[in-house]
Amino acid sequence: MRQYGSFEAKTHFSEIMKLVAQGEKCIINKHGIKVAMLIPYSPEEALCPAEEAVRAIRANAKGVTLGKFSVKKLRAEGRR
């Protein structure tokens, strides 16, 4: 895993992107502190945990109803 200073990363960004596209991970430092890591894009890892949670909730909620209640009635009752 290669490491670059922020100035060097800015200057050689296209070269670093080529390395990342070939599968290498690169770390960018600012004043000796690691601040970012460039990794190859992966469609499987593109979803953030929140998006995955929303998808799971929506998948599990299909076919679930409120029974004899309706959203409009519940909302109206809450406004009284």
C-alpha atoms as a PDB file:
ATOM      1  CA  MET A   1       0.000   0.000   0.000  1.00  0.00           C
ATOM      2  CA  ARG A   2       1.578   3.243  -1.136  1.00  0.00           C
ATOM      3  CA  GLN A   3       1.427   6.481   0.818  1.00  0.00           C
ATOM      4  CA  TYR A   4       1.484  10.020  -0.544  1.00  0.00           C
ATOM      5  CA  GLY A   5       1.611  13.441   1.022  1.00  0.00           C
ATOM      6  CA  SER A   6      -1.299  15.738   0.169  1.00  0.00           C
ATOM      7  CA  PHE A   7       0.797  17.954  -2.113  1.00  0.00           C
ATOM      8  CA  GLU A   8       2.298  14.956  -3.909  1.00  0.00           C
ATOM      9  CA  ALA A   9      -1.153  13.368  -4.256  1.00  0.00           C
ATOM     10  CA  LYS A  10      -2.534  16.551  -5.787  1.00  0.00           C
ATOM     11  CA  THR A  11       0.384  16.836  -8.187  1.00  0.00           C
ATOM     12  CA  HIS A  12       0.318  13.186  -9.308  1.00  0.00           C
ATOM     13  CA  PHE A  13      -3.405  12.476  -8.929  1.00  0.00           C
ATOM     14  CA  SER A  14      -3.876  10.930 -12.382  1.00  0.00           C
ATOM     15  CA  GLU A  15      -0.996   8.513 -11.786  1.00  0.00           C
ATOM     16  CA  ILE A  16      -2.426   7.539  -8.404  1.00  0.00           C
ATOM     17  CA  MET A  17      -5.840   6.956 -10.008  1.00  0.00           C
ATOM     18  CA  LYS A  18      -4.222   4.591 -12.525  1.00  0.00           C
ATOM     19  CA  LEU A  19      -2.692   2.591  -9.670  1.00  0.00           C
ATOM     20  CA  VAL A  20      -6.033   2.428  -7.874  1.00  0.00           C
ATOM     21  CA  ALA A  21      -7.771   1.334 -11.086  1.00  0.00           C
ATOM     22  CA  GLN A  22      -5.260  -1.538 -11.267  1.00  0.00           C
ATOM     23  CA  GLY A  23      -6.319  -2.674  -7.783  1.00  0.00           C
ATOM     24  CA  GLU A  24      -3.808  -0.981  -5.492  1.00  0.00           C
ATOM     25  CA  LYS A  25      -4.846   0.878  -2.341  1.00  0.00           C
ATOM     26  CA  CYS A  26      -3.241   4.258  -1.631  1.00  0.00           C
ATOM     27  CA  ILE A  27      -3.162   6.368   1.536  1.00  0.00           C
ATOM     28  CA  ILE A  28      -2.969  10.159   1.543  1.00  0.00           C
ATOM     29  CA  ASN A  29      -1.274  11.895   4.470  1.00  0.00           C
ATOM     30  CA  LYS A  30      -1.475  15.504   5.586  1.00  0.00           C
ATOM     31  CA  HIS A  31       1.372  16.623   7.850  1.00  0.00           C
ATOM     32  CA  GLY A  32       2.161  12.964   8.567  1.00  0.00           C
ATOM     33  CA  ILE A  33      -1.408  12.078   9.598  1.00  0.00           C
ATOM     34  CA  LYS A  34      -3.382   9.592   7.493  1.00  0.00           C
ATOM     35  CA  VAL A  35      -6.511  11.377   6.246  1.00  0.00           C
ATOM     36  CA  ALA A  36      -7.782   9.363   3.271  1.00  0.00           C
ATOM     37  CA  MET A  37      -7.504   6.026   1.537  1.00  0.00           C
ATOM     38  CA  LEU A  38      -8.211   5.513  -2.153  1.00  0.00           C
ATOM     39  CA  ILE A  39      -9.478   2.028  -2.942  1.00  0.00           C
ATOM     40  CA  PRO A  40     -10.724   0.438  -6.155  1.00  0.00           C
ATOM     41  CA  TYR A  41     -14.451   0.826  -6.791  1.00  0.00           C
ATOM     42  CA  SER A  42     -16.551  -2.251  -6.142  1.00  0.00           C
ATOM     43  CA  PRO A  43     -20.300  -2.239  -6.940  1.00  0.00           C
ATOM     44  CA  GLU A  44     -20.962  -4.647  -4.050  1.00  0.00           C
ATOM     45  CA  GLU A  45     -19.380  -2.253  -1.551  1.00  0.00           C
ATOM     46  CA  ALA A  46     -20.865   0.901  -3.077  1.00  0.00           C
ATOM     47  CA  LEU A  47     -23.945   0.901  -0.840  1.00  0.00           C
ATOM     48  CA  CYS A  48     -23.505   2.499   2.525  1.00  0.00           C
ATOM     49  CA  PRO A  49     -24.896   0.670   5.579  1.00  0.00           C
ATOM     50  CA  ALA A  50     -27.868   3.063   5.782  1.00  0.00           C
ATOM     51  CA  GLU A  51     -28.909   2.299   2.199  1.00  0.00           C
ATOM     52  CA  GLU A  52     -28.631  -1.426   2.902  1.00  0.00           C
ATOM     53  CA  ALA A  53     -30.808  -1.016   6.020  1.00  0.00           C
ATOM     54  CA  VAL A  54     -33.473   0.876   4.059  1.00  0.00           C
ATOM     55  CA  ARG A  55     -33.527  -1.852   1.400  1.00  0.00           C
ATOM     56  CA  ALA A  56     -33.905  -4.543   4.064  1.00  0.00           C
ATOM     57  CA  ILE A  57     -36.729  -2.679   5.799  1.00  0.00           C
ATOM     58  CA  ARG A  58     -38.590  -2.157   2.533  1.00  0.00           C
ATOM     59  CA  ALA A  59     -38.153  -5.825   1.575  1.00  0.00           C
ATOM     60  CA  ASN A  60     -39.465  -7.011   4.956  1.00  0.00           C
ATOM     61  CA  ALA A  61     -42.363  -4.530   4.942  1.00  0.00           C
ATOM     62  CA  LYS A  62     -43.929  -5.828   1.728  1.00  0.00           C
ATOM     63  CA  GLY A  63     -47.336  -7.272   2.454  1.00  0.00           C
ATOM     64  CA  VAL A  64     -47.449  -5.899   6.021  1.00  0.00           C
ATOM     65  CA  THR A  65     -50.570  -3.854   6.707  1.00  0.00           C
ATOM     66  CA  LEU A  66     -52.045  -1.880   9.596  1.00  0.00           C
ATOM     67  CA  GLY A  67     -55.091  -4.124   9.653  1.00  0.00           C
ATOM     68  CA  LYS A  68     -58.304  -2.180  10.214  1.00  0.00           C
ATOM     69  CA  PHE A  69     -56.390   1.094  10.700  1.00  0.00           C
ATOM     70  CA  SER A  70     -55.420   3.503   7.975  1.00  0.00           C
ATOM     71  CA  VAL A  71     -52.598   5.982   7.967  1.00  0.00           C
ATOM     72  CA  LYS A  72     -55.050   8.873   7.458  1.00  0.00           C
ATOM     73  CA  LYS A  73     -57.127   7.862  10.496  1.00  0.00           C
ATOM     74  CA  LEU A  74     -54.083   7.456  12.705  1.00  0.00           C
ATOM     75  CA  ARG A  75     -52.708  10.811  11.572  1.00  0.00           C
ATOM     76  CA  ALA A  76     -56.028  12.539  12.193  1.00  0.00           C
ATOM     77  CA  GLU A  77     -56.257  10.991  15.677  1.00  0.00           C
ATOM     78  CA  GLY A  78     -52.780  12.258  16.512  1.00  0.00           C
ATOM     79  CA  ARG A  79     -53.782  15.807  15.552  1.00  0.00           C
ATOM     80  CA  ARG A  80     -56.677  16.001  18.036  1.00  0.00           C
END
